[in-house]
């Protein structure tokens, strides 16, 4: 009887809980290495790749877009992007602050 009551209370609480709505995504995209001929071409190709990711791969309005890493592998430049909305950005800041206080 106690376990049934506990389950019912747990289900009741779960029914009223609202899920967090923070969005954070880490996405890899690439551009041809040939497009990195000079700084202007590289910047244009990078902007086009980021714009393409934001238009076609992300279903939320980001407030943070950061390039986390870029590597040349063969004839491609692979770019690792961190994308977050407002709540996700706050979550990232909280995680960074918590990590710094642990040092």
N, C-alpha and C. Protein backbone atom coordinates (compact mmCIF):
# COMPACT_ATOMS: atom_id res chain seq x y z
N UNK A 1 0.82 -1.19 0.00
CA UNK A 1 0.00 0.00 0.00
C UNK A 1 0.87 1.26 0.00
N UNK A 2 1.95 1.23 0.80
CA UNK A 2 2.83 2.39 0.84
C UNK A 2 3.50 2.63 -0.50
N UNK A 3 3.91 1.54 -1.16
CA UNK A 3 4.59 1.70 -2.45
C UNK A 3 3.61 2.24 -3.51
N UNK A 4 2.35 1.82 -3.45
CA UNK A 4 1.36 2.34 -4.38
C UNK A 4 1.14 3.84 -4.16
N UNK A 5 1.06 4.23 -2.91
CA UNK A 5 0.90 5.65 -2.58
C UNK A 5 2.12 6.45 -3.04
N UNK A 6 3.29 5.90 -2.85
CA UNK A 6 4.52 6.58 -3.29
C UNK A 6 4.54 6.75 -4.81
N UNK A 7 4.14 5.71 -5.52
CA UNK A 7 4.09 5.78 -6.98
C UNK A 7 3.08 6.83 -7.43
N UNK A 8 1.91 6.85 -6.81
CA UNK A 8 0.89 7.83 -7.17
C UNK A 8 1.36 9.26 -6.90
N UNK A 9 2.02 9.47 -5.80
CA UNK A 9 2.54 10.81 -5.48
C UNK A 9 3.62 11.19 -6.50
N UNK A 10 4.50 10.25 -6.82
CA UNK A 10 5.54 10.52 -7.81
C UNK A 10 4.97 10.85 -9.17
N UNK A 11 3.96 10.11 -9.60
CA UNK A 11 3.32 10.39 -10.89
C UNK A 11 2.60 11.74 -10.88
N UNK A 12 1.99 12.06 -9.74
CA UNK A 12 1.32 13.36 -9.63
C UNK A 12 2.31 14.50 -9.73
N UNK A 13 3.45 14.37 -9.09
CA UNK A 13 4.48 15.41 -9.17
C UNK A 13 5.05 15.50 -10.58
N UNK A 14 5.25 14.37 -11.22
CA UNK A 14 5.79 14.36 -12.59
C UNK A 14 4.83 15.01 -13.57
N UNK A 15 3.55 14.85 -13.33
CA UNK A 15 2.54 15.43 -14.23
C UNK A 15 2.56 16.95 -14.17
N UNK A 16 2.91 17.51 -13.02
CA UNK A 16 2.92 18.97 -12.86
C UNK A 16 4.27 19.58 -13.21
N UNK A 17 5.31 18.78 -13.32
CA UNK A 17 6.65 19.30 -13.61
C UNK A 17 6.71 19.81 -15.04
N UNK A 18 7.46 20.88 -15.24
CA UNK A 18 7.67 21.39 -16.59
C UNK A 18 9.12 21.13 -16.98
N UNK A 19 9.35 20.62 -18.16
CA UNK A 19 10.72 20.33 -18.57
C UNK A 19 11.49 21.62 -18.86
N UNK A 20 12.79 21.55 -18.71
CA UNK A 20 13.63 22.69 -19.03
C UNK A 20 13.61 22.92 -20.53
N UNK A 21 13.71 24.17 -20.91
CA UNK A 21 13.64 24.48 -22.34
C UNK A 21 14.95 25.08 -22.85
N UNK A 22 16.05 24.69 -22.25
CA UNK A 22 17.36 25.17 -22.72
C UNK A 22 17.82 24.30 -23.88
N UNK A 23 18.29 24.95 -24.92
CA UNK A 23 18.80 24.23 -26.08
C UNK A 23 20.28 24.52 -26.25
N UNK A 24 21.07 23.45 -26.35
CA UNK A 24 22.50 23.54 -26.61
C UNK A 24 22.83 22.45 -27.61
N UNK A 25 23.55 22.81 -28.67
CA UNK A 25 23.93 21.82 -29.69
C UNK A 25 25.37 22.04 -30.08
N UNK A 26 26.07 20.94 -30.28
CA UNK A 26 27.42 20.99 -30.80
C UNK A 26 27.38 20.31 -32.17
N UNK A 27 27.77 21.03 -33.19
CA UNK A 27 27.58 20.58 -34.57
C UNK A 27 28.90 20.68 -35.32
N UNK A 28 29.17 19.68 -36.14
CA UNK A 28 30.34 19.71 -37.00
C UNK A 28 29.89 19.98 -38.43
N UNK A 29 30.56 20.90 -39.07
CA UNK A 29 30.33 21.18 -40.49
C UNK A 29 31.69 21.26 -41.16
N UNK A 30 31.70 21.33 -42.46
CA UNK A 30 32.99 21.40 -43.16
C UNK A 30 32.89 22.28 -44.39
N UNK A 31 34.06 22.75 -44.81
CA UNK A 31 34.19 23.52 -46.03
C UNK A 31 35.38 22.96 -46.79
N UNK A 32 35.42 23.13 -48.11
CA UNK A 32 36.60 22.67 -48.85
C UNK A 32 37.84 23.47 -48.44
N UNK A 33 38.96 22.79 -48.29
CA UNK A 33 40.21 23.47 -47.92
C UNK A 33 40.62 24.47 -48.99
N UNK A 34 40.24 24.22 -50.23
CA UNK A 34 40.58 25.15 -51.32
C UNK A 34 39.92 26.52 -51.13
N UNK A 35 38.81 26.56 -50.39
CA UNK A 35 38.13 27.84 -50.16
C UNK A 35 38.85 28.69 -49.12
N UNK A 36 39.89 28.15 -48.51
CA UNK A 36 40.66 28.89 -47.51
C UNK A 36 41.94 29.46 -48.12
N UNK A 37 41.83 29.92 -49.37
CA UNK A 37 43.00 30.44 -50.07
C UNK A 37 43.60 31.67 -49.39
N UNK A 38 42.77 32.62 -49.01
CA UNK A 38 43.23 33.78 -48.25
C UNK A 38 42.21 34.08 -47.16
N UNK A 39 42.50 35.07 -46.34
CA UNK A 39 41.65 35.35 -45.19
C UNK A 39 40.21 35.72 -45.60
N UNK A 40 40.06 36.48 -46.68
CA UNK A 40 38.73 36.89 -47.11
C UNK A 40 37.91 35.69 -47.58
N UNK A 41 38.53 34.81 -48.37
CA UNK A 41 37.83 33.61 -48.84
C UNK A 41 37.47 32.70 -47.67
N UNK A 42 38.40 32.56 -46.73
CA UNK A 42 38.15 31.72 -45.56
C UNK A 42 36.99 32.27 -44.74
N UNK A 43 36.97 33.57 -44.51
CA UNK A 43 35.89 34.19 -43.75
C UNK A 43 34.54 34.03 -44.45
N UNK A 44 34.53 34.23 -45.76
CA UNK A 44 33.29 34.07 -46.53
C UNK A 44 32.79 32.62 -46.48
N UNK A 45 33.69 31.66 -46.64
CA UNK A 45 33.31 30.24 -46.61
C UNK A 45 32.82 29.85 -45.22
N UNK A 46 33.49 30.35 -44.17
CA UNK A 46 33.07 30.05 -42.80
C UNK A 46 31.71 30.66 -42.50
N UNK A 47 31.48 31.89 -42.91
CA UNK A 47 30.17 32.53 -42.71
C UNK A 47 29.08 31.77 -43.43
N UNK A 48 29.36 31.32 -44.66
CA UNK A 48 28.36 30.57 -45.42
C UNK A 48 28.06 29.23 -44.74
N UNK A 49 29.08 28.56 -44.20
CA UNK A 49 28.87 27.27 -43.53
C UNK A 49 28.06 27.45 -42.25
N UNK A 50 28.37 28.47 -41.47
CA UNK A 50 27.63 28.73 -40.23
C UNK A 50 26.19 29.11 -40.56
N UNK A 51 25.99 29.95 -41.54
CA UNK A 51 24.64 30.34 -41.95
C UNK A 51 23.83 29.12 -42.39
N UNK A 52 24.46 28.22 -43.14
CA UNK A 52 23.79 27.00 -43.59
C UNK A 52 23.37 26.14 -42.40
N UNK A 53 24.24 25.99 -41.42
CA UNK A 53 23.90 25.22 -40.22
C UNK A 53 22.73 25.86 -39.49
N UNK A 54 22.77 27.17 -39.31
CA UNK A 54 21.70 27.85 -38.58
C UNK A 54 20.37 27.79 -39.31
N UNK A 55 20.40 27.77 -40.64
CA UNK A 55 19.17 27.72 -41.42
C UNK A 55 18.59 26.31 -41.55
N UNK A 56 19.45 25.30 -41.61
CA UNK A 56 18.98 23.96 -41.94
C UNK A 56 19.12 22.91 -40.84
N UNK A 57 19.95 23.15 -39.84
CA UNK A 57 20.19 22.11 -38.83
C UNK A 57 19.68 22.49 -37.44
N UNK A 58 19.36 23.73 -37.22
CA UNK A 58 18.94 24.20 -35.90
C UNK A 58 17.48 24.62 -35.96
N UNK A 59 16.70 24.14 -34.99
CA UNK A 59 15.26 24.45 -34.98
C UNK A 59 14.91 25.45 -33.89
N UNK A 60 15.91 26.20 -33.38
CA UNK A 60 15.66 27.22 -32.37
C UNK A 60 16.46 28.46 -32.74
N UNK A 61 16.09 29.59 -32.13
CA UNK A 61 16.79 30.85 -32.40
C UNK A 61 18.00 30.97 -31.47
N UNK A 62 19.21 30.83 -32.00
CA UNK A 62 20.39 30.87 -31.14
C UNK A 62 20.75 32.28 -30.70
N UNK A 63 21.27 32.37 -29.49
CA UNK A 63 21.84 33.62 -29.00
C UNK A 63 23.35 33.50 -28.86
N UNK A 64 23.87 32.28 -29.00
CA UNK A 64 25.30 32.02 -28.91
C UNK A 64 25.70 31.09 -30.04
N UNK A 65 26.69 31.51 -30.82
CA UNK A 65 27.31 30.66 -31.83
C UNK A 65 28.80 30.84 -31.67
N UNK A 66 29.50 29.76 -31.34
CA UNK A 66 30.93 29.83 -31.09
C UNK A 66 31.64 28.74 -31.87
N UNK A 67 32.78 29.09 -32.48
CA UNK A 67 33.62 28.10 -33.12
C UNK A 67 34.51 27.50 -32.03
N UNK A 68 34.33 26.20 -31.77
CA UNK A 68 35.07 25.53 -30.71
C UNK A 68 36.38 24.93 -31.19
N UNK A 69 36.42 24.52 -32.48
CA UNK A 69 37.62 23.89 -33.01
C UNK A 69 37.54 23.89 -34.53
N UNK A 70 38.67 23.88 -35.17
CA UNK A 70 38.73 23.75 -36.62
C UNK A 70 39.98 22.95 -36.95
N UNK A 71 39.81 21.97 -37.84
CA UNK A 71 40.94 21.11 -38.23
C UNK A 71 40.88 20.83 -39.72
N UNK A 72 42.06 20.74 -40.31
CA UNK A 72 42.16 20.38 -41.72
C UNK A 72 42.42 18.88 -41.78
N UNK A 73 41.55 18.16 -42.47
CA UNK A 73 41.70 16.73 -42.68
C UNK A 73 41.55 16.48 -44.17
N UNK A 74 42.64 16.09 -44.80
CA UNK A 74 42.61 15.88 -46.24
C UNK A 74 42.33 17.18 -46.97
N UNK A 75 41.30 17.19 -47.78
CA UNK A 75 40.96 18.39 -48.55
C UNK A 75 39.78 19.15 -47.96
N UNK A 76 39.45 18.94 -46.67
CA UNK A 76 38.34 19.61 -46.01
C UNK A 76 38.81 20.29 -44.72
N UNK A 77 38.14 21.37 -44.37
CA UNK A 77 38.33 22.03 -43.07
C UNK A 77 37.08 21.72 -42.26
N UNK A 78 37.25 20.99 -41.16
CA UNK A 78 36.12 20.62 -40.30
C UNK A 78 36.03 21.63 -39.16
N UNK A 79 34.82 22.13 -38.94
CA UNK A 79 34.58 23.19 -37.97
C UNK A 79 33.58 22.68 -36.94
N UNK A 80 33.93 22.77 -35.67
CA UNK A 80 33.05 22.37 -34.57
C UNK A 80 32.40 23.62 -33.99
N UNK A 81 31.07 23.68 -34.07
CA UNK A 81 30.31 24.84 -33.60
C UNK A 81 29.53 24.50 -32.34
N UNK A 82 29.48 25.44 -31.41
CA UNK A 82 28.63 25.35 -30.24
C UNK A 82 27.52 26.37 -30.41
N UNK A 83 26.27 25.90 -30.39
CA UNK A 83 25.11 26.77 -30.62
C UNK A 83 24.16 26.63 -29.43
N UNK A 84 23.67 27.75 -28.90
CA UNK A 84 22.77 27.70 -27.74
C UNK A 84 21.76 28.84 -27.82
N UNK A 85 20.59 28.61 -27.19
CA UNK A 85 19.61 29.69 -27.06
C UNK A 85 19.90 30.42 -25.74
N UNK A 86 19.02 31.33 -25.35
CA UNK A 86 19.25 32.14 -24.14
C UNK A 86 19.42 31.31 -22.88
N UNK A 87 18.50 30.34 -22.66
CA UNK A 87 18.60 29.50 -21.46
C UNK A 87 19.82 28.58 -21.54
N UNK A 88 20.12 28.10 -22.73
CA UNK A 88 21.30 27.26 -22.92
C UNK A 88 22.58 28.03 -22.67
N UNK A 89 22.60 29.28 -23.09
CA UNK A 89 23.76 30.14 -22.84
C UNK A 89 23.97 30.34 -21.34
N UNK A 90 22.88 30.57 -20.60
CA UNK A 90 22.97 30.71 -19.15
C UNK A 90 23.47 29.40 -18.50
N UNK A 91 23.00 28.27 -19.01
CA UNK A 91 23.44 26.98 -18.49
C UNK A 91 24.94 26.80 -18.71
N UNK A 92 25.42 27.16 -19.89
CA UNK A 92 26.85 27.05 -20.18
C UNK A 92 27.65 27.94 -19.24
N UNK A 93 27.19 29.18 -19.02
CA UNK A 93 27.88 30.08 -18.09
C UNK A 93 27.92 29.50 -16.69
N UNK A 94 26.79 28.92 -16.24
CA UNK A 94 26.75 28.30 -14.91
C UNK A 94 27.72 27.14 -14.82
N UNK A 95 27.81 26.32 -15.86
CA UNK A 95 28.73 25.19 -15.87
C UNK A 95 30.19 25.66 -15.83
N UNK A 96 30.50 26.71 -16.58
CA UNK A 96 31.86 27.25 -16.59
C UNK A 96 32.20 27.82 -15.22
N UNK A 97 31.27 28.57 -14.61
CA UNK A 97 31.50 29.13 -13.29
C UNK A 97 31.67 28.05 -12.24
N UNK A 98 30.86 27.00 -12.31
CA UNK A 98 30.97 25.89 -11.35
C UNK A 98 32.29 25.17 -11.53
N UNK A 99 32.76 25.03 -12.77
CA UNK A 99 34.02 24.35 -13.04
C UNK A 99 35.19 25.17 -12.51
N UNK A 100 35.12 26.50 -12.62
CA UNK A 100 36.19 27.37 -12.14
C UNK A 100 36.27 27.39 -10.62
N UNK A 101 35.15 27.26 -9.93
CA UNK A 101 35.17 27.26 -8.47
C UNK A 101 35.71 25.95 -7.91
N UNK A 102 35.70 24.89 -8.73
CA UNK A 102 36.22 23.60 -8.28
C UNK A 102 37.74 23.57 -8.30
N UNK A 103 38.38 24.51 -9.00
CA UNK A 103 39.84 24.50 -9.12
C UNK A 103 40.52 24.87 -7.86
